[in-house]
């Protein structure tokens, strides 16, 4: 797959992920935030319980990694989140939290978009708290 085709597939996946997150009640704050550490595909916010604060419902900052795969040749979209990728996500998430001086709870989610070989959508899977530090 050419770089342009890969980029187009990634953009299509990010659009589908944003739509799925908004349908689940999250608000998209930013897309493709970059720093020296790496890139965040989507940054969202969700009101959810913070159990470290007794379960009070508060705004959560949600760092979202979108993984899009067409076919199974190189494994599933979800399987592409390797331990090395998780470590990079944790580092770039921490960099974002520091850059915007976020003081509330935050987490890293993964949205896995799986398509068949012809590019037809098979599944959208949203995994909350997918990466833990």
N, C-alpha and C. Protein backbone atom coordinates (compact mmCIF):
# COMPACT_ATOMS: atom_id res chain seq x y z
N UNK A 1 0.86 -1.18 0.00
CA UNK A 1 0.00 0.00 0.00
C UNK A 1 0.90 1.23 0.00
N UNK A 2 0.59 2.18 -0.87
CA UNK A 2 1.40 3.40 -0.96
C UNK A 2 1.18 4.28 0.26
N UNK A 3 2.10 5.23 0.45
CA UNK A 3 1.99 6.15 1.58
C UNK A 3 0.69 6.97 1.48
N UNK A 4 0.33 7.38 0.26
CA UNK A 4 -0.91 8.16 0.09
C UNK A 4 -2.14 7.31 0.44
N UNK A 5 -2.14 6.05 0.02
CA UNK A 5 -3.28 5.17 0.32
C UNK A 5 -3.36 4.91 1.83
N UNK A 6 -2.19 4.74 2.47
CA UNK A 6 -2.16 4.53 3.92
C UNK A 6 -2.69 5.76 4.66
N UNK A 7 -2.26 6.93 4.19
CA UNK A 7 -2.72 8.19 4.80
C UNK A 7 -4.23 8.36 4.63
N UNK A 8 -4.74 8.04 3.44
CA UNK A 8 -6.18 8.15 3.18
C UNK A 8 -6.96 7.18 4.07
N UNK A 9 -6.45 5.96 4.23
CA UNK A 9 -7.10 4.98 5.09
C UNK A 9 -7.10 5.47 6.54
N UNK A 10 -5.99 6.04 6.98
CA UNK A 10 -5.89 6.58 8.34
C UNK A 10 -6.87 7.72 8.56
N UNK A 11 -6.98 8.62 7.60
CA UNK A 11 -7.92 9.75 7.72
C UNK A 11 -9.36 9.25 7.77
N UNK A 12 -9.66 8.24 6.94
CA UNK A 12 -11.02 7.67 6.94
C UNK A 12 -11.30 7.02 8.30
N UNK A 13 -10.33 6.31 8.83
CA UNK A 13 -10.48 5.68 10.14
C UNK A 13 -10.68 6.70 11.25
N UNK A 14 -9.90 7.79 11.21
CA UNK A 14 -10.04 8.82 12.23
C UNK A 14 -11.43 9.47 12.18
N UNK A 15 -11.94 9.69 10.98
CA UNK A 15 -13.28 10.27 10.84
C UNK A 15 -14.34 9.33 11.42
N UNK A 16 -14.20 8.03 11.13
CA UNK A 16 -15.15 7.05 11.68
C UNK A 16 -15.04 6.97 13.19
N UNK A 17 -13.81 7.02 13.70
CA UNK A 17 -13.60 6.97 15.15
C UNK A 17 -14.22 8.18 15.83
N UNK A 18 -14.01 9.37 15.26
CA UNK A 18 -14.58 10.59 15.84
C UNK A 18 -16.10 10.50 15.88
N UNK A 19 -16.69 9.99 14.81
CA UNK A 19 -18.15 9.84 14.74
C UNK A 19 -18.62 8.86 15.82
N UNK A 20 -17.93 7.74 15.99
CA UNK A 20 -18.31 6.74 16.99
C UNK A 20 -18.17 7.31 18.41
N UNK A 21 -17.11 8.06 18.65
CA UNK A 21 -16.91 8.65 19.98
C UNK A 21 -18.00 9.68 20.29
N UNK A 22 -18.32 10.52 19.32
CA UNK A 22 -19.38 11.51 19.52
C UNK A 22 -20.72 10.82 19.76
N UNK A 23 -20.99 9.74 19.05
CA UNK A 23 -22.23 8.98 19.25
C UNK A 23 -22.28 8.38 20.66
N UNK A 24 -21.11 8.11 21.24
CA UNK A 24 -21.03 7.55 22.60
C UNK A 24 -21.02 8.64 23.67
N UNK A 25 -21.14 9.91 23.24
CA UNK A 25 -21.25 11.00 24.21
C UNK A 25 -19.97 11.77 24.48
N UNK A 26 -18.88 11.46 23.80
CA UNK A 26 -17.64 12.22 23.99
C UNK A 26 -17.64 13.45 23.09
N UNK A 27 -16.90 14.46 23.49
CA UNK A 27 -16.75 15.67 22.70
C UNK A 27 -15.33 15.70 22.15
N UNK A 28 -15.18 15.84 20.85
CA UNK A 28 -13.85 15.91 20.24
C UNK A 28 -13.32 17.34 20.43
N UNK A 29 -12.14 17.44 21.04
CA UNK A 29 -11.52 18.74 21.29
C UNK A 29 -10.47 19.10 20.24
N UNK A 30 -9.73 18.11 19.76
CA UNK A 30 -8.66 18.38 18.80
C UNK A 30 -8.34 17.11 18.02
N UNK A 31 -7.67 17.30 16.89
CA UNK A 31 -7.23 16.18 16.06
C UNK A 31 -5.77 16.39 15.70
N UNK A 32 -5.04 15.30 15.64
CA UNK A 32 -3.65 15.29 15.17
C UNK A 32 -2.75 16.30 15.88
N UNK A 33 -2.75 16.25 17.21
CA UNK A 33 -1.86 17.10 18.01
C UNK A 33 -0.46 16.51 17.97
N UNK A 34 0.52 17.36 17.67
CA UNK A 34 1.90 16.87 17.54
C UNK A 34 2.83 17.60 18.51
N UNK A 35 3.83 16.85 18.95
CA UNK A 35 4.92 17.42 19.74
C UNK A 35 6.17 16.60 19.42
N UNK A 36 7.28 16.91 20.06
CA UNK A 36 8.53 16.18 19.80
C UNK A 36 8.41 14.70 20.15
N UNK A 37 7.55 14.36 21.08
CA UNK A 37 7.38 12.98 21.53
C UNK A 37 6.58 12.14 20.54
N UNK A 38 5.65 12.76 19.82
CA UNK A 38 4.82 12.01 18.87
C UNK A 38 3.54 12.74 18.54
N UNK A 39 2.54 11.99 18.13
CA UNK A 39 1.26 12.56 17.70
C UNK A 39 0.10 11.86 18.40
N UNK A 40 -0.93 12.64 18.71
CA UNK A 40 -2.19 12.11 19.23
C UNK A 40 -3.22 12.25 18.13
N UNK A 41 -3.90 11.15 17.80
CA UNK A 41 -4.89 11.19 16.73
C UNK A 41 -6.08 12.06 17.09
N UNK A 42 -6.70 11.78 18.23
CA UNK A 42 -7.88 12.54 18.67
C UNK A 42 -7.76 12.85 20.16
N UNK A 43 -8.21 14.02 20.53
CA UNK A 43 -8.29 14.41 21.93
C UNK A 43 -9.75 14.73 22.19
N UNK A 44 -10.29 14.09 23.22
CA UNK A 44 -11.71 14.22 23.50
C UNK A 44 -11.92 14.50 24.99
N UNK A 45 -13.16 14.74 25.32
CA UNK A 45 -13.52 14.91 26.72
C UNK A 45 -14.82 14.15 26.95
N UNK A 46 -14.91 13.55 28.14
CA UNK A 46 -16.10 12.79 28.52
C UNK A 46 -16.38 13.02 29.99
N UNK A 47 -17.63 13.17 30.32
CA UNK A 47 -18.02 13.26 31.73
C UNK A 47 -18.25 11.83 32.22
N UNK A 48 -17.49 11.47 33.25
CA UNK A 48 -17.56 10.10 33.75
C UNK A 48 -17.15 10.09 35.22
N UNK A 49 -17.48 9.03 35.94
CA UNK A 49 -17.10 8.95 37.35
C UNK A 49 -15.58 8.89 37.53
N UNK A 50 -15.11 9.57 38.55
CA UNK A 50 -13.70 9.49 38.96
C UNK A 50 -13.69 8.75 40.28
N UNK A 51 -13.38 7.46 40.24
CA UNK A 51 -13.46 6.64 41.44
C UNK A 51 -12.38 6.97 42.45
N UNK A 52 -11.33 7.66 42.02
CA UNK A 52 -10.31 8.10 42.99
C UNK A 52 -10.85 9.27 43.81
N UNK A 53 -11.96 9.84 43.37
CA UNK A 53 -12.62 10.94 44.09
C UNK A 53 -14.01 10.53 44.57
N UNK A 54 -14.18 9.27 44.88
CA UNK A 54 -15.45 8.79 45.41
C UNK A 54 -16.54 8.58 44.38
N UNK A 55 -16.19 8.56 43.10
CA UNK A 55 -17.18 8.31 42.06
C UNK A 55 -17.89 9.54 41.55
N UNK A 56 -17.43 10.72 41.95
CA UNK A 56 -18.01 11.96 41.45
C UNK A 56 -17.84 12.03 39.93
N UNK A 57 -18.89 12.46 39.23
CA UNK A 57 -18.82 12.60 37.78
C UNK A 57 -18.09 13.91 37.47
N UNK A 58 -17.00 13.77 36.71
CA UNK A 58 -16.15 14.91 36.37
C UNK A 58 -15.75 14.80 34.89
N UNK A 59 -15.23 15.91 34.32
CA UNK A 59 -14.72 15.81 32.96
C UNK A 59 -13.40 15.04 32.93
N UNK A 60 -13.31 14.09 32.03
CA UNK A 60 -12.08 13.33 31.78
C UNK A 60 -11.49 13.81 30.46
N UNK A 61 -10.20 13.98 30.43
CA UNK A 61 -9.48 14.20 29.18
C UNK A 61 -9.20 12.81 28.61
N UNK A 62 -9.51 12.62 27.33
CA UNK A 62 -9.35 11.30 26.72
C UNK A 62 -8.41 11.43 25.51
N UNK A 63 -7.26 10.81 25.63
CA UNK A 63 -6.30 10.73 24.54
C UNK A 63 -6.69 9.49 23.73
N UNK A 64 -6.89 9.65 22.43
CA UNK A 64 -7.40 8.55 21.62
C UNK A 64 -6.42 8.18 20.51
N UNK A 65 -6.04 6.92 20.49
CA UNK A 65 -5.26 6.36 19.40
C UNK A 65 -6.22 5.61 18.49
N UNK A 66 -6.18 5.94 17.20
CA UNK A 66 -7.03 5.27 16.22
C UNK A 66 -6.16 4.32 15.41
N UNK A 67 -6.55 3.06 15.36
CA UNK A 67 -5.83 2.06 14.58
C UNK A 67 -6.80 1.53 13.53
N UNK A 68 -6.44 1.68 12.26
CA UNK A 68 -7.29 1.26 11.16
C UNK A 68 -6.55 0.19 10.35
N UNK A 69 -7.23 -0.91 10.09
CA UNK A 69 -6.64 -1.98 9.30
C UNK A 69 -7.63 -2.43 8.24
N UNK A 70 -7.09 -2.67 7.04
CA UNK A 70 -7.87 -3.23 5.95
C UNK A 70 -7.35 -4.65 5.72
N UNK A 71 -8.20 -5.63 5.97
CA UNK A 71 -7.79 -7.02 5.84
C UNK A 71 -7.04 -7.48 7.08
N UNK A 72 -6.62 -8.73 7.05
CA UNK A 72 -5.94 -9.33 8.21
C UNK A 72 -4.49 -9.70 7.91
N UNK A 73 -3.96 -9.30 6.79
CA UNK A 73 -2.61 -9.68 6.39
C UNK A 73 -1.58 -9.37 7.46
N UNK A 74 -1.69 -8.20 8.06
CA UNK A 74 -0.73 -7.77 9.08
C UNK A 74 -1.33 -7.80 10.48
N UNK A 75 -2.39 -8.58 10.67
CA UNK A 75 -3.04 -8.67 11.96
C UNK A 75 -4.18 -7.68 12.07
N UNK A 76 -4.90 -7.77 13.18
CA UNK A 76 -6.06 -6.91 13.38
C UNK A 76 -5.63 -5.51 13.81
N UNK A 77 -6.57 -4.58 13.71
CA UNK A 77 -6.30 -3.20 14.14
C UNK A 77 -5.92 -3.17 15.62
N UNK A 78 -6.63 -3.91 16.43
CA UNK A 78 -6.37 -3.91 17.86
C UNK A 78 -5.00 -4.53 18.19
N UNK A 79 -4.65 -5.59 17.47
CA UNK A 79 -3.36 -6.25 17.71
C UNK A 79 -2.18 -5.36 17.35
N UNK A 80 -2.42 -4.30 16.58
CA UNK A 80 -1.33 -3.41 16.17
C UNK A 80 -0.88 -2.46 17.29
N UNK A 81 -1.58 -2.48 18.42
CA UNK A 81 -1.18 -1.64 19.55
C UNK A 81 -0.20 -2.46 20.40
N UNK A 82 1.03 -2.44 19.99
CA UNK A 82 2.09 -3.24 20.63
C UNK A 82 2.52 -2.59 21.95
N UNK A 83 3.27 -3.31 22.78
CA UNK A 83 3.80 -2.70 24.01
C UNK A 83 4.64 -1.44 23.73
N UNK A 84 5.42 -1.45 22.64
CA UNK A 84 6.21 -0.26 22.30
C UNK A 84 5.28 0.91 21.94
N UNK A 85 4.22 0.64 21.19
CA UNK A 85 3.25 1.68 20.83
C UNK A 85 2.56 2.20 22.09
N UNK A 86 2.22 1.31 23.01
CA UNK A 86 1.59 1.73 24.26
C UNK A 86 2.51 2.67 25.05
N UNK A 87 3.80 2.36 25.09
CA UNK A 87 4.75 3.22 25.80
C UNK A 87 4.83 4.59 25.15
N UNK A 88 4.84 4.63 23.82
CA UNK A 88 4.86 5.94 23.12
C UNK A 88 3.58 6.72 23.40
N UNK A 89 2.44 6.02 23.40
CA UNK A 89 1.17 6.70 23.68
C UNK A 89 1.16 7.29 25.09
N UNK A 90 1.67 6.55 26.06
CA UNK A 90 1.72 7.05 27.43
C UNK A 90 2.61 8.29 27.50
N UNK A 91 3.74 8.29 26.79
CA UNK A 91 4.65 9.43 26.81
C UNK A 91 4.05 10.65 26.13
N UNK A 92 3.42 10.47 24.99
CA UNK A 92 2.84 11.62 24.29
C UNK A 92 1.60 12.11 25.03
N UNK A 93 0.84 11.21 25.65
CA UNK A 93 -0.30 11.62 26.47
C UNK A 93 0.14 12.48 27.63
N UNK A 94 1.21 12.06 28.31
CA UNK A 94 1.74 12.85 29.43
C UNK A 94 2.25 14.21 28.95
N UNK A 95 2.85 14.24 27.76
CA UNK A 95 3.32 15.52 27.20
C UNK A 95 2.15 16.46 26.94
N UNK A 96 1.05 15.93 26.41
CA UNK A 96 -0.13 16.76 26.15
C UNK A 96 -0.72 17.30 27.46
N UNK A 97 -0.87 16.42 28.43
CA UNK A 97 -1.43 16.81 29.73
C UNK A 97 -0.60 17.95 30.33
N UNK A 98 0.71 17.83 30.22
CA UNK A 98 1.60 18.88 30.74
C UNK A 98 1.49 20.15 29.91
N UNK A 99 1.43 20.02 28.59
CA UNK A 99 1.38 21.19 27.71
C UNK A 99 0.13 22.03 27.94
N UNK A 100 -1.00 21.37 28.21
CA UNK A 100 -2.25 22.12 28.40
C UNK A 100 -2.57 22.34 29.88
N UNK A 101 -1.66 21.86 30.73
CA UNK A 101 -1.81 22.00 32.19
C UNK A 101 -3.13 21.43 32.69
N UNK A 102 -3.48 20.24 32.18
CA UNK A 102 -4.70 19.55 32.60
C UNK A 102 -4.53 19.07 34.03
N UNK A 103 -5.50 19.34 34.88
CA UNK A 103 -5.41 18.98 36.29
C UNK A 103 -6.37 17.86 36.70
N UNK A 104 -7.25 17.46 35.81
CA UNK A 104 -8.23 16.43 36.13
C UNK A 104 -7.76 15.05 35.71
N UNK A 105 -8.66 14.07 35.81
CA UNK A 105 -8.30 12.71 35.41
C UNK A 105 -8.18 12.62 33.88
N UNK A 106 -7.33 11.72 33.44
CA UNK A 106 -7.19 11.48 32.01
C UNK A 106 -6.87 10.02 31.76
N UNK A 107 -7.12 9.62 30.53
CA UNK A 107 -6.88 8.22 30.17
C UNK A 107 -6.55 8.15 28.68
N UNK A 108 -6.08 6.96 28.29
CA UNK A 108 -5.78 6.70 26.89
C UNK A 108 -6.70 5.59 26.40
N UNK A 109 -7.48 5.91 25.38
CA UNK A 109 -8.39 4.95 24.76
C UNK A 109 -7.85 4.57 23.39
N UNK A 110 -8.28 3.44 22.89
CA UNK A 110 -7.97 3.02 21.53
C UNK A 110 -9.29 2.77 20.81
N UNK A 111 -9.38 3.27 19.58
CA UNK A 111 -10.50 2.93 18.72
C UNK A 111 -9.92 2.13 17.56
N UNK A 112 -10.33 0.87 17.47
CA UNK A 112 -9.85 -0.04 16.43
C UNK A 112 -10.90 -0.12 15.33
N UNK A 113 -10.51 0.24 14.12
CA UNK A 113 -11.39 0.20 12.95
C UNK A 113 -10.91 -0.96 12.08
N UNK A 114 -11.74 -1.96 11.91
CA UNK A 114 -11.37 -3.12 11.09
C UNK A 114 -12.23 -3.14 9.84
N UNK A 115 -11.55 -3.21 8.68
CA UNK A 115 -12.24 -3.29 7.39
C UNK A 115 -11.84 -4.58 6.71
N UNK A 116 -12.66 -4.99 5.76
CA UNK A 116 -12.27 -6.17 4.98
C UNK A 116 -11.30 -5.72 3.88
N UNK A 117 -10.82 -6.68 3.09
CA UNK A 117 -9.84 -6.37 2.05
C UNK A 117 -10.33 -5.38 1.02
N UNK A 118 -11.65 -5.29 0.84
CA UNK A 118 -12.23 -4.36 -0.13
C UNK A 118 -12.49 -2.99 0.47
N UNK A 119 -12.20 -2.81 1.77
CA UNK A 119 -12.40 -1.51 2.40
C UNK A 119 -13.77 -1.32 3.02
N UNK A 120 -14.55 -2.40 3.15
CA UNK A 120 -15.86 -2.30 3.79
C UNK A 120 -15.69 -2.45 5.29
N UNK A 121 -16.38 -1.61 6.03
CA UNK A 121 -16.28 -1.62 7.48
C UNK A 121 -16.78 -2.93 8.06
N UNK A 122 -15.98 -3.53 8.93
CA UNK A 122 -16.38 -4.74 9.62
C UNK A 122 -16.69 -4.46 11.09
N UNK A 123 -15.86 -3.65 11.74
CA UNK A 123 -16.07 -3.40 13.17
C UNK A 123 -15.40 -2.11 13.60
N UNK A 124 -16.04 -1.45 14.57
CA UNK A 124 -15.47 -0.31 15.28
C UNK A 124 -15.49 -0.68 16.75
N UNK A 125 -14.33 -0.76 17.36
CA UNK A 125 -14.23 -1.16 18.76
C UNK A 125 -13.56 -0.05 19.55
N UNK A 126 -14.25 0.44 20.59
CA UNK A 126 -13.72 1.50 21.46
C UNK A 126 -13.33 0.87 22.79
N UNK A 127 -12.03 0.91 23.08
CA UNK A 127 -11.54 0.34 24.32
C UNK A 127 -11.10 1.48 25.24
N UNK A 128 -11.88 1.67 26.31
CA UNK A 128 -11.55 2.71 27.29
C UNK A 128 -10.40 2.22 28.18
N UNK A 129 -9.57 3.16 28.61
CA UNK A 129 -8.43 2.82 29.49
C UNK A 129 -7.56 1.73 28.84
N UNK A 130 -7.37 1.81 27.54
CA UNK A 130 -6.66 0.76 26.82
C UNK A 130 -5.17 0.71 27.16
N UNK A 131 -4.62 1.86 27.53
CA UNK A 131 -3.20 1.93 27.86
C UNK A 131 -3.10 2.44 29.29
N UNK A 132 -2.42 1.69 30.11
CA UNK A 132 -2.21 2.13 31.50
C UNK A 132 -0.72 2.29 31.73
N UNK A 133 -0.40 3.28 32.55
CA UNK A 133 1.01 3.57 32.81
C UNK A 133 1.47 2.83 33.98
